Amino acid sequence: MSENKPWGLLARYENPAELLHACEQVRDANYEKWDANTPFPVHGLDDAMGLKRTPLPWFVLGGGLTGATFGLGFMLWVSVSEYPLNIGGKPLDSVPAFIPVTFELTVLFSCITCFLTLWGLCGLPKLYHPAFKSKAFDAVTDDKFFIMIEAEDKNFDLEKTRELLKKTGANLIEELED
């Protein structure tokens, strides 16, 4: 053991089924500051971790509605009041003519909102994480599965947490330092 205060514990698993079972046990032990890392999406991991649904769709909907409102409102304002052009007796506020631009601005605002909100919700960009020092964690991009439990968690006790991770079937448990 080192003399520095640990950041947390890292546990390695060989397959997604072991990881799912371990996540359920960690969730049931009432840990709050922990995460699972996988080389590919694992079906059912959100439920096993007890994660709530993300608010991201609501932000994207708001961004899309903002884009549509801005696009349609701006074109109507310009065409009707600021720079009206009477071409062939057509109405100045012909909404079907504005649909393509309104659609494109809806998509643009939705995409920008999704990107920025996702970065904010995930706390990105993270240029450093204590797991980057672990040689074992390099395998997360190939074929291994990991759980990290932070020492800041209210239930974290180094020895008890280590025992819990052993009971979950971890084949490697490593202490991470900040």
N, C-alpha and C. Protein backbone atom coordinates (compact mmCIF):
# COMPACT_ATOMS: atom_id res chain seq x y z
N MET A 1 0.84 -1.18 0.00
CA MET A 1 0.00 0.00 0.00
C MET A 1 0.88 1.24 0.00
N SER A 2 0.40 2.27 -0.60
CA SER A 2 1.19 3.49 -0.66
C SER A 2 0.80 4.42 0.49
N GLU A 3 1.58 5.46 0.65
CA GLU A 3 1.32 6.40 1.73
C GLU A 3 0.37 7.51 1.30
N ASN A 4 0.16 7.66 0.01
CA ASN A 4 -0.78 8.67 -0.47
C ASN A 4 -2.21 8.19 -0.24
N LYS A 5 -3.11 9.16 -0.10
CA LYS A 5 -4.52 8.81 0.04
C LYS A 5 -5.00 8.25 -1.30
N PRO A 6 -5.70 7.12 -1.27
CA PRO A 6 -6.14 6.53 -2.54
C PRO A 6 -7.26 7.34 -3.19
N TRP A 7 -7.29 7.32 -4.51
CA TRP A 7 -8.40 7.93 -5.25
C TRP A 7 -9.59 6.98 -5.21
N GLY A 8 -9.27 5.68 -5.25
CA GLY A 8 -10.32 4.67 -5.23
C GLY A 8 -9.77 3.31 -5.59
N LEU A 9 -10.67 2.39 -5.92
CA LEU A 9 -10.27 1.05 -6.30
C LEU A 9 -10.75 0.74 -7.71
N LEU A 10 -9.93 -0.04 -8.42
CA LEU A 10 -10.22 -0.47 -9.78
C LEU A 10 -10.31 -1.99 -9.76
N ALA A 11 -11.38 -2.54 -10.29
CA ALA A 11 -11.57 -3.99 -10.34
C ALA A 11 -11.77 -4.41 -11.79
N ARG A 12 -11.10 -5.52 -12.17
CA ARG A 12 -11.18 -5.99 -13.56
C ARG A 12 -12.00 -7.27 -13.64
N TYR A 13 -12.80 -7.38 -14.72
CA TYR A 13 -13.64 -8.54 -14.98
C TYR A 13 -13.38 -9.01 -16.40
N GLU A 14 -13.64 -10.29 -16.63
CA GLU A 14 -13.29 -10.89 -17.92
C GLU A 14 -14.38 -10.78 -18.98
N ASN A 15 -15.65 -10.68 -18.58
CA ASN A 15 -16.71 -10.65 -19.59
C ASN A 15 -17.87 -9.79 -19.11
N PRO A 16 -18.76 -9.44 -20.02
CA PRO A 16 -19.88 -8.56 -19.66
C PRO A 16 -20.82 -9.15 -18.60
N ALA A 17 -21.02 -10.45 -18.60
CA ALA A 17 -21.92 -11.06 -17.62
C ALA A 17 -21.38 -10.88 -16.21
N GLU A 18 -20.07 -11.09 -16.05
CA GLU A 18 -19.46 -10.88 -14.73
C GLU A 18 -19.59 -9.42 -14.31
N LEU A 19 -19.38 -8.51 -15.26
CA LEU A 19 -19.47 -7.08 -14.96
C LEU A 19 -20.89 -6.70 -14.52
N LEU A 20 -21.89 -7.19 -15.25
CA LEU A 20 -23.28 -6.89 -14.89
C LEU A 20 -23.61 -7.38 -13.48
N HIS A 21 -23.19 -8.58 -13.19
CA HIS A 21 -23.45 -9.14 -11.85
C HIS A 21 -22.73 -8.31 -10.79
N ALA A 22 -21.50 -7.91 -11.06
CA ALA A 22 -20.73 -7.10 -10.11
C ALA A 22 -21.37 -5.73 -9.92
N CYS A 23 -21.84 -5.12 -11.00
CA CYS A 23 -22.49 -3.80 -10.91
C CYS A 23 -23.74 -3.87 -10.05
N GLU A 24 -24.49 -4.94 -10.18
CA GLU A 24 -25.69 -5.10 -9.34
C GLU A 24 -25.31 -5.17 -7.86
N GLN A 25 -24.23 -5.87 -7.56
CA GLN A 25 -23.80 -6.00 -6.17
C GLN A 25 -23.29 -4.67 -5.61
N VAL A 26 -22.54 -3.92 -6.43
CA VAL A 26 -22.04 -2.62 -5.99
C VAL A 26 -23.21 -1.65 -5.79
N ARG A 27 -24.16 -1.69 -6.71
CA ARG A 27 -25.37 -0.85 -6.57
C ARG A 27 -26.13 -1.20 -5.31
N ASP A 28 -26.29 -2.48 -5.05
CA ASP A 28 -27.03 -2.93 -3.86
C ASP A 28 -26.30 -2.59 -2.57
N ALA A 29 -24.98 -2.38 -2.65
CA ALA A 29 -24.20 -1.99 -1.47
C ALA A 29 -24.28 -0.48 -1.24
N ASN A 30 -25.09 0.21 -2.04
CA ASN A 30 -25.38 1.65 -1.91
C ASN A 30 -24.18 2.57 -2.17
N TYR A 31 -23.30 2.16 -3.05
CA TYR A 31 -22.23 3.07 -3.47
C TYR A 31 -22.82 4.06 -4.46
N GLU A 32 -22.35 5.29 -4.41
CA GLU A 32 -22.88 6.34 -5.29
C GLU A 32 -21.84 6.87 -6.27
N LYS A 33 -20.59 6.94 -5.85
CA LYS A 33 -19.53 7.49 -6.71
C LYS A 33 -18.70 6.34 -7.29
N TRP A 34 -19.23 5.76 -8.34
CA TRP A 34 -18.54 4.65 -8.99
C TRP A 34 -18.96 4.61 -10.45
N ASP A 35 -18.19 3.87 -11.24
CA ASP A 35 -18.48 3.80 -12.66
C ASP A 35 -18.02 2.45 -13.20
N ALA A 36 -18.58 2.06 -14.33
CA ALA A 36 -18.18 0.85 -15.04
C ALA A 36 -17.62 1.27 -16.39
N ASN A 37 -16.55 0.60 -16.80
CA ASN A 37 -15.90 0.91 -18.08
C ASN A 37 -15.83 -0.36 -18.92
N THR A 38 -16.24 -0.24 -20.17
CA THR A 38 -16.30 -1.39 -21.06
C THR A 38 -15.71 -1.03 -22.42
N PRO A 39 -15.23 -2.05 -23.17
CA PRO A 39 -14.70 -1.77 -24.52
C PRO A 39 -15.80 -1.58 -25.57
N PHE A 40 -17.02 -1.95 -25.23
CA PHE A 40 -18.16 -1.79 -26.13
C PHE A 40 -19.43 -1.65 -25.29
N PRO A 41 -20.52 -1.15 -25.89
CA PRO A 41 -21.76 -0.99 -25.11
C PRO A 41 -22.27 -2.35 -24.60
N VAL A 42 -22.68 -2.38 -23.36
CA VAL A 42 -23.19 -3.61 -22.75
C VAL A 42 -24.67 -3.41 -22.43
N HIS A 43 -25.50 -4.21 -23.06
CA HIS A 43 -26.95 -4.11 -22.86
C HIS A 43 -27.31 -4.42 -21.41
N GLY A 44 -28.07 -3.54 -20.78
CA GLY A 44 -28.53 -3.74 -19.42
C GLY A 44 -27.62 -3.14 -18.36
N LEU A 45 -26.51 -2.53 -18.77
CA LEU A 45 -25.57 -1.97 -17.80
C LEU A 45 -26.18 -0.80 -17.03
N ASP A 46 -26.96 0.03 -17.71
CA ASP A 46 -27.61 1.16 -17.02
C ASP A 46 -28.51 0.67 -15.88
N ASP A 47 -29.28 -0.37 -16.15
CA ASP A 47 -30.16 -0.92 -15.12
C ASP A 47 -29.35 -1.56 -14.00
N ALA A 48 -28.30 -2.27 -14.35
CA ALA A 48 -27.47 -2.93 -13.34
C ALA A 48 -26.79 -1.90 -12.43
N MET A 49 -26.47 -0.74 -12.98
CA MET A 49 -25.83 0.31 -12.18
C MET A 49 -26.85 1.16 -11.45
N GLY A 50 -28.12 1.05 -11.82
CA GLY A 50 -29.15 1.85 -11.18
C GLY A 50 -29.15 3.30 -11.64
N LEU A 51 -28.75 3.53 -12.87
CA LEU A 51 -28.68 4.89 -13.39
C LEU A 51 -30.07 5.41 -13.75
N LYS A 52 -30.27 6.69 -13.55
CA LYS A 52 -31.52 7.34 -13.93
C LYS A 52 -31.46 7.69 -15.41
N ARG A 53 -32.62 7.93 -15.99
CA ARG A 53 -32.66 8.35 -17.39
C ARG A 53 -32.01 9.71 -17.54
N THR A 54 -31.35 9.90 -18.64
CA THR A 54 -30.66 11.16 -18.90
C THR A 54 -31.64 12.27 -19.29
N PRO A 55 -31.35 13.51 -18.90
CA PRO A 55 -32.20 14.63 -19.33
C PRO A 55 -31.82 15.13 -20.72
N LEU A 56 -30.85 14.52 -21.37
CA LEU A 56 -30.36 14.98 -22.67
C LEU A 56 -31.46 15.17 -23.72
N PRO A 57 -32.40 14.23 -23.88
CA PRO A 57 -33.45 14.44 -24.90
C PRO A 57 -34.24 15.74 -24.70
N TRP A 58 -34.46 16.13 -23.45
CA TRP A 58 -35.22 17.36 -23.20
C TRP A 58 -34.41 18.59 -23.62
N PHE A 59 -33.10 18.55 -23.38
CA PHE A 59 -32.25 19.66 -23.83
C PHE A 59 -32.23 19.74 -25.36
N VAL A 60 -32.14 18.59 -26.02
CA VAL A 60 -32.12 18.56 -27.48
C VAL A 60 -33.45 19.06 -28.04
N LEU A 61 -34.56 18.66 -27.43
CA LEU A 61 -35.86 19.16 -27.86
C LEU A 61 -35.92 20.68 -27.71
N GLY A 62 -35.45 21.19 -26.60
CA GLY A 62 -35.43 22.65 -26.39
C GLY A 62 -34.56 23.35 -27.43
N GLY A 63 -33.40 22.77 -27.73
CA GLY A 63 -32.53 23.36 -28.75
C GLY A 63 -33.18 23.34 -30.12
N GLY A 64 -33.84 22.23 -30.45
CA GLY A 64 -34.53 22.13 -31.75
C GLY A 64 -35.68 23.12 -31.87
N LEU A 65 -36.46 23.24 -30.83
CA LEU A 65 -37.57 24.21 -30.85
C LEU A 65 -37.05 25.64 -30.93
N THR A 66 -35.94 25.90 -30.26
CA THR A 66 -35.32 27.22 -30.34
C THR A 66 -34.87 27.51 -31.77
N GLY A 67 -34.23 26.53 -32.40
CA GLY A 67 -33.79 26.70 -33.79
C GLY A 67 -34.95 26.92 -34.74
N ALA A 68 -36.02 26.14 -34.58
CA ALA A 68 -37.19 26.29 -35.45
C ALA A 68 -37.84 27.65 -35.24
N THR A 69 -37.98 28.05 -34.00
CA THR A 69 -38.60 29.34 -33.69
C THR A 69 -37.76 30.48 -34.23
N PHE A 70 -36.46 30.39 -34.02
CA PHE A 70 -35.56 31.43 -34.53
C PHE A 70 -35.61 31.51 -36.05
N GLY A 71 -35.51 30.36 -36.72
CA GLY A 71 -35.51 30.34 -38.18
C GLY A 71 -36.79 30.89 -38.77
N LEU A 72 -37.91 30.36 -38.33
CA LEU A 72 -39.20 30.79 -38.87
C LEU A 72 -39.50 32.23 -38.49
N GLY A 73 -39.24 32.58 -37.23
CA GLY A 73 -39.49 33.95 -36.79
C GLY A 73 -38.65 34.97 -37.52
N PHE A 74 -37.38 34.67 -37.73
CA PHE A 74 -36.49 35.60 -38.42
C PHE A 74 -36.93 35.80 -39.87
N MET A 75 -37.27 34.69 -40.55
CA MET A 75 -37.68 34.82 -41.96
C MET A 75 -39.01 35.56 -42.08
N LEU A 76 -39.95 35.29 -41.17
CA LEU A 76 -41.21 36.02 -41.22
C LEU A 76 -41.00 37.50 -40.92
N TRP A 77 -40.17 37.81 -39.96
CA TRP A 77 -39.89 39.21 -39.61
C TRP A 77 -39.27 39.95 -40.81
N VAL A 78 -38.29 39.32 -41.44
CA VAL A 78 -37.64 39.97 -42.59
C VAL A 78 -38.61 40.10 -43.75
N SER A 79 -39.34 39.03 -44.09
CA SER A 79 -40.20 39.03 -45.28
C SER A 79 -41.45 39.88 -45.14
N VAL A 80 -41.97 39.98 -43.93
CA VAL A 80 -43.23 40.69 -43.74
C VAL A 80 -43.02 42.15 -43.35
N SER A 81 -42.10 42.42 -42.44
CA SER A 81 -42.03 43.79 -41.94
C SER A 81 -40.78 44.57 -42.35
N GLU A 82 -39.64 43.96 -42.41
CA GLU A 82 -38.42 44.72 -42.65
C GLU A 82 -38.05 44.88 -44.13
N TYR A 83 -38.30 43.83 -44.92
CA TYR A 83 -37.90 43.91 -46.31
C TYR A 83 -38.91 43.16 -47.18
N PRO A 84 -40.15 43.63 -47.20
CA PRO A 84 -41.18 42.91 -47.96
C PRO A 84 -40.98 43.06 -49.48
N LEU A 85 -41.05 41.94 -50.16
CA LEU A 85 -40.97 41.92 -51.63
C LEU A 85 -42.22 41.25 -52.17
N ASN A 86 -43.02 41.99 -52.93
CA ASN A 86 -44.22 41.44 -53.52
C ASN A 86 -43.84 40.90 -54.89
N ILE A 87 -43.74 39.57 -54.98
CA ILE A 87 -43.33 38.94 -56.23
C ILE A 87 -44.51 38.14 -56.76
N GLY A 88 -45.06 38.59 -57.86
CA GLY A 88 -46.15 37.88 -58.51
C GLY A 88 -47.41 37.81 -57.68
N GLY A 89 -47.62 38.71 -56.75
CA GLY A 89 -48.83 38.75 -55.94
C GLY A 89 -48.90 37.66 -54.89
N LYS A 90 -47.79 36.97 -54.64
CA LYS A 90 -47.78 35.92 -53.60
C LYS A 90 -47.80 36.57 -52.22
N PRO A 91 -48.36 35.86 -51.23
CA PRO A 91 -48.40 36.44 -49.88
C PRO A 91 -46.99 36.58 -49.30
N LEU A 92 -46.80 37.62 -48.50
CA LEU A 92 -45.49 37.86 -47.90
C LEU A 92 -45.15 36.82 -46.83
N ASP A 93 -46.16 36.29 -46.18
CA ASP A 93 -45.93 35.33 -45.10
C ASP A 93 -46.22 33.88 -45.51
N SER A 94 -45.72 33.48 -46.67
CA SER A 94 -45.94 32.14 -47.17
C SER A 94 -45.02 31.15 -46.44
N VAL A 95 -45.55 30.53 -45.41
CA VAL A 95 -44.76 29.66 -44.55
C VAL A 95 -44.14 28.46 -45.29
N PRO A 96 -44.82 27.83 -46.26
CA PRO A 96 -44.17 26.70 -46.93
C PRO A 96 -42.82 27.04 -47.56
N ALA A 97 -42.63 28.27 -47.96
CA ALA A 97 -41.34 28.65 -48.54
C ALA A 97 -40.24 28.68 -47.49
N PHE A 98 -40.61 28.80 -46.23
CA PHE A 98 -39.61 28.90 -45.15
C PHE A 98 -39.30 27.56 -44.49
N ILE A 99 -39.99 26.50 -44.88
CA ILE A 99 -39.82 25.21 -44.21
C ILE A 99 -38.41 24.64 -44.36
N PRO A 100 -37.77 24.64 -45.53
CA PRO A 100 -36.43 24.06 -45.61
C PRO A 100 -35.42 24.71 -44.65
N VAL A 101 -35.41 26.02 -44.61
CA VAL A 101 -34.46 26.71 -43.73
C VAL A 101 -34.83 26.45 -42.26
N THR A 102 -36.12 26.45 -41.96
CA THR A 102 -36.55 26.17 -40.59
C THR A 102 -36.12 24.77 -40.16
N PHE A 103 -36.29 23.81 -41.05
CA PHE A 103 -35.87 22.44 -40.75
C PHE A 103 -34.36 22.37 -40.51
N GLU A 104 -33.58 23.00 -41.37
CA GLU A 104 -32.12 22.96 -41.22
C GLU A 104 -31.67 23.62 -39.92
N LEU A 105 -32.30 24.73 -39.54
CA LEU A 105 -31.93 25.37 -38.28
C LEU A 105 -32.36 24.53 -37.07
N THR A 106 -33.47 23.81 -37.20
CA THR A 106 -33.89 22.90 -36.14
C THR A 106 -32.83 21.82 -35.93
N VAL A 107 -32.37 21.23 -37.01
CA VAL A 107 -31.35 20.19 -36.93
C VAL A 107 -30.03 20.76 -36.40
N LEU A 108 -29.63 21.91 -36.89
CA LEU A 108 -28.38 22.53 -36.45
C LEU A 108 -28.40 22.84 -34.96
N PHE A 109 -29.44 23.50 -34.48
CA PHE A 109 -29.52 23.83 -33.07
C PHE A 109 -29.62 22.57 -32.20
N SER A 110 -30.33 21.56 -32.68
CA SER A 110 -30.43 20.29 -31.93
C SER A 110 -29.06 19.63 -31.80
N CYS A 111 -28.33 19.59 -32.89
CA CYS A 111 -27.00 18.95 -32.87
C CYS A 111 -26.03 19.70 -31.96
N ILE A 112 -26.00 21.00 -32.07
CA ILE A 112 -25.09 21.79 -31.23
C ILE A 112 -25.48 21.65 -29.75
N THR A 113 -26.78 21.70 -29.47
CA THR A 113 -27.25 21.52 -28.09
C THR A 113 -26.88 20.15 -27.56
N CYS A 114 -27.07 19.12 -28.37
CA CYS A 114 -26.75 17.75 -27.95
C CYS A 114 -25.27 17.63 -27.64
N PHE A 115 -24.42 18.13 -28.51
CA PHE A 115 -22.97 18.03 -28.32
C PHE A 115 -22.53 18.75 -27.05
N LEU A 116 -22.93 20.00 -26.91
CA LEU A 116 -22.48 20.78 -25.75
C LEU A 116 -23.07 20.27 -24.44
N THR A 117 -24.34 19.87 -24.45
CA THR A 117 -24.97 19.37 -23.24
C THR A 117 -24.36 18.03 -22.83
N LEU A 118 -24.10 17.16 -23.79
CA LEU A 118 -23.49 15.88 -23.47
C LEU A 118 -22.11 16.07 -22.85
N TRP A 119 -21.34 16.98 -23.38
CA TRP A 119 -20.03 17.28 -22.80
C TRP A 119 -20.20 17.80 -21.37
N GLY A 120 -21.17 18.67 -21.16
CA GLY A 120 -21.40 19.21 -19.83
C GLY A 120 -21.85 18.14 -18.84
N LEU A 121 -22.80 17.29 -19.25
CA LEU A 121 -23.30 16.24 -18.37
C LEU A 121 -22.24 15.20 -18.04
N CYS A 122 -21.35 14.95 -18.98
CA CYS A 122 -20.28 13.96 -18.77
C CYS A 122 -19.04 14.56 -18.13
N GLY A 123 -19.02 15.87 -17.97
CA GLY A 123 -17.85 16.50 -17.37
C GLY A 123 -16.65 16.52 -18.30
N LEU A 124 -16.90 16.55 -19.58
CA LEU A 124 -15.80 16.55 -20.55
C LEU A 124 -15.35 17.97 -20.87
N PRO A 125 -14.18 18.19 -21.34
CA PRO A 125 -13.13 17.20 -21.57
C PRO A 125 -12.37 16.89 -20.29
N LYS A 126 -12.07 15.62 -20.10
CA LYS A 126 -11.24 15.18 -18.97
C LYS A 126 -9.87 14.83 -19.56
N LEU A 127 -8.91 15.63 -19.24
CA LEU A 127 -7.58 15.40 -19.78
C LEU A 127 -6.77 14.46 -18.91
N TYR A 128 -7.24 14.22 -17.68
CA TYR A 128 -6.53 13.32 -16.78
C TYR A 128 -7.51 12.56 -15.90
N HIS A 129 -7.19 11.32 -15.65
CA HIS A 129 -7.95 10.50 -14.72
C HIS A 129 -6.97 9.55 -14.05
N PRO A 130 -7.11 9.29 -12.76
CA PRO A 130 -6.18 8.40 -12.07
C PRO A 130 -6.06 7.01 -12.71
N ALA A 131 -7.09 6.54 -13.39
CA ALA A 131 -7.02 5.22 -14.03
C ALA A 131 -6.01 5.20 -15.17
N PHE A 132 -5.65 6.36 -15.70
CA PHE A 132 -4.69 6.40 -16.81
C PHE A 132 -3.31 5.90 -16.37
N LYS A 133 -3.02 5.92 -15.08
CA LYS A 133 -1.73 5.43 -14.58
C LYS A 133 -1.68 3.90 -14.52
N SER A 134 -2.82 3.26 -14.53
CA SER A 134 -2.88 1.81 -14.39
C SER A 134 -2.58 1.11 -15.71
N LYS A 135 -1.64 0.19 -15.68
CA LYS A 135 -1.32 -0.60 -16.88
C LYS A 135 -2.48 -1.55 -17.19
N ALA A 136 -3.12 -2.06 -16.15
CA ALA A 136 -4.24 -2.99 -16.35
C ALA A 136 -5.40 -2.31 -17.07
N PHE A 137 -5.61 -1.03 -16.79
CA PHE A 137 -6.75 -0.31 -17.38
C PHE A 137 -6.60 -0.12 -18.88
N ASP A 138 -5.38 -0.26 -19.41
CA ASP A 138 -5.18 -0.16 -20.86
C ASP A 138 -6.03 -1.18 -21.61
N ALA A 139 -6.34 -2.31 -20.97
CA ALA A 139 -7.11 -3.37 -21.63
C ALA A 139 -8.58 -3.01 -21.82
N VAL A 140 -9.04 -1.89 -21.24
CA VAL A 140 -10.44 -1.51 -21.39
C VAL A 140 -10.78 -1.21 -22.85
N THR A 141 -9.79 -0.86 -23.64
CA THR A 141 -10.05 -0.59 -25.05
C THR A 141 -10.00 -1.86 -25.89
N ASP A 142 -9.62 -2.98 -25.29
CA ASP A 142 -9.53 -4.23 -26.04
C ASP A 142 -10.62 -5.23 -25.64
N ASP A 143 -10.48 -5.79 -24.43
CA ASP A 143 -11.37 -6.89 -24.10
C ASP A 143 -11.64 -7.08 -22.61
N LYS A 144 -11.33 -6.11 -21.78
CA LYS A 144 -11.56 -6.25 -20.34
C LYS A 144 -12.61 -5.25 -19.88
N PHE A 145 -13.20 -5.55 -18.71
CA PHE A 145 -14.29 -4.76 -18.15
C PHE A 145 -13.90 -4.33 -16.74
N PHE A 146 -14.22 -3.10 -16.38
CA PHE A 146 -13.75 -2.56 -15.11
C PHE A 146 -14.86 -1.85 -14.34
N ILE A 147 -14.69 -1.86 -13.01
CA ILE A 147 -15.49 -1.03 -12.11
C ILE A 147 -14.50 -0.20 -11.31
N MET A 148 -14.81 1.09 -11.19
CA MET A 148 -14.00 2.00 -10.36
C MET A 148 -14.90 2.57 -9.27
N ILE A 149 -14.46 2.45 -8.04
CA ILE A 149 -15.20 3.03 -6.92
C ILE A 149 -14.31 4.11 -6.30
N GLU A 150 -14.86 5.32 -6.21
CA GLU A 150 -14.08 6.46 -5.71
C GLU A 150 -14.02 6.46 -4.18
N ALA A 151 -12.88 6.90 -3.67
CA ALA A 151 -12.68 6.98 -2.21
C ALA A 151 -13.57 8.07 -1.60
N GLU A 152 -14.06 9.00 -2.39
CA GLU A 152 -14.92 10.07 -1.87
C GLU A 152 -16.35 9.59 -1.57
N ASP A 153 -16.68 8.39 -1.99
CA ASP A 153 -18.01 7.85 -1.72
C ASP A 153 -18.21 7.71 -0.21
N LYS A 154 -19.41 8.01 0.24
CA LYS A 154 -19.69 7.98 1.68
C LYS A 154 -19.56 6.57 2.27
N ASN A 155 -19.74 5.53 1.47
CA ASN A 155 -19.64 4.15 1.94
C ASN A 155 -18.25 3.55 1.75
N PHE A 156 -17.32 4.31 1.22
CA PHE A 156 -16.00 3.76 0.90
C PHE A 156 -15.18 3.53 2.15
N ASP A 157 -14.77 2.31 2.32
CA ASP A 157 -13.78 1.92 3.30
C ASP A 157 -12.85 0.98 2.53
N LEU A 158 -11.57 1.27 2.54
CA LEU A 158 -10.63 0.58 1.65
C LEU A 158 -10.76 -0.94 1.77
N GLU A 159 -10.74 -1.46 2.96
CA GLU A 159 -10.76 -2.92 3.12
C GLU A 159 -12.14 -3.51 2.83
N LYS A 160 -13.20 -2.85 3.29
CA LYS A 160 -14.55 -3.37 3.03
C LYS A 160 -14.88 -3.32 1.54
N THR A 161 -14.47 -2.24 0.89
CA THR A 161 -14.73 -2.12 -0.55
C THR A 161 -13.92 -3.16 -1.32
N ARG A 162 -12.68 -3.38 -0.90
CA ARG A 162 -11.84 -4.40 -1.53
C ARG A 162 -12.50 -5.79 -1.38
N GLU A 163 -13.03 -6.08 -0.21
CA GLU A 163 -13.70 -7.36 0.03
C GLU A 163 -14.95 -7.50 -0.85
N LEU A 164 -15.71 -6.41 -0.96
CA LEU A 164 -16.90 -6.45 -1.82
C LEU A 164 -16.50 -6.77 -3.25
N LEU A 165 -15.47 -6.12 -3.75
CA LEU A 165 -15.04 -6.35 -5.13
C LEU A 165 -14.51 -7.77 -5.31
N LYS A 166 -13.86 -8.32 -4.30
CA LYS A 166 -13.42 -9.73 -4.37
C LYS A 166 -14.62 -10.65 -4.47
N LYS A 167 -15.67 -10.36 -3.67
CA LYS A 167 -16.88 -11.19 -3.68
C LYS A 167 -17.59 -11.13 -5.03
N THR A 168 -17.43 -10.02 -5.75
CA THR A 168 -18.10 -9.89 -7.05
C THR A 168 -17.40 -10.69 -8.14
N GLY A 169 -16.22 -11.21 -7.84
CA GLY A 169 -15.52 -12.04 -8.82
C GLY A 169 -14.45 -11.30 -9.61
N ALA A 170 -14.00 -10.18 -9.12
CA ALA A 170 -12.94 -9.44 -9.82
C ALA A 170 -11.66 -10.27 -9.82
N ASN A 171 -11.00 -10.34 -10.97
CA ASN A 171 -9.76 -11.10 -11.04
C ASN A 171 -8.53 -10.21 -10.81
N LEU A 172 -8.74 -8.91 -10.66
CA LEU A 172 -7.67 -7.99 -10.31
C LEU A 172 -8.30 -6.80 -9.58
N ILE A 173 -7.72 -6.44 -8.47
CA ILE A 173 -8.18 -5.24 -7.75
C ILE A 173 -6.96 -4.39 -7.53
N GLU A 174 -7.04 -3.17 -7.99
CA GLU A 174 -5.89 -2.26 -7.92
C GLU A 174 -6.30 -0.97 -7.24
N GLU A 175 -5.41 -0.46 -6.41
CA GLU A 175 -5.66 0.82 -5.74
C GLU A 175 -5.18 1.94 -6.66
N LEU A 176 -6.07 2.91 -6.90
CA LEU A 176 -5.72 4.05 -7.74
C LEU A 176 -5.36 5.24 -6.86
N GLU A 177 -4.30 5.94 -7.24
CA GLU A 177 -3.89 7.14 -6.50
C GLU A 177 -4.06 8.35 -7.39
N ASP A 178 -4.35 9.46 -6.75
CA ASP A 178 -4.53 10.70 -7.50
C ASP A 178 -3.20 11.27 -7.96
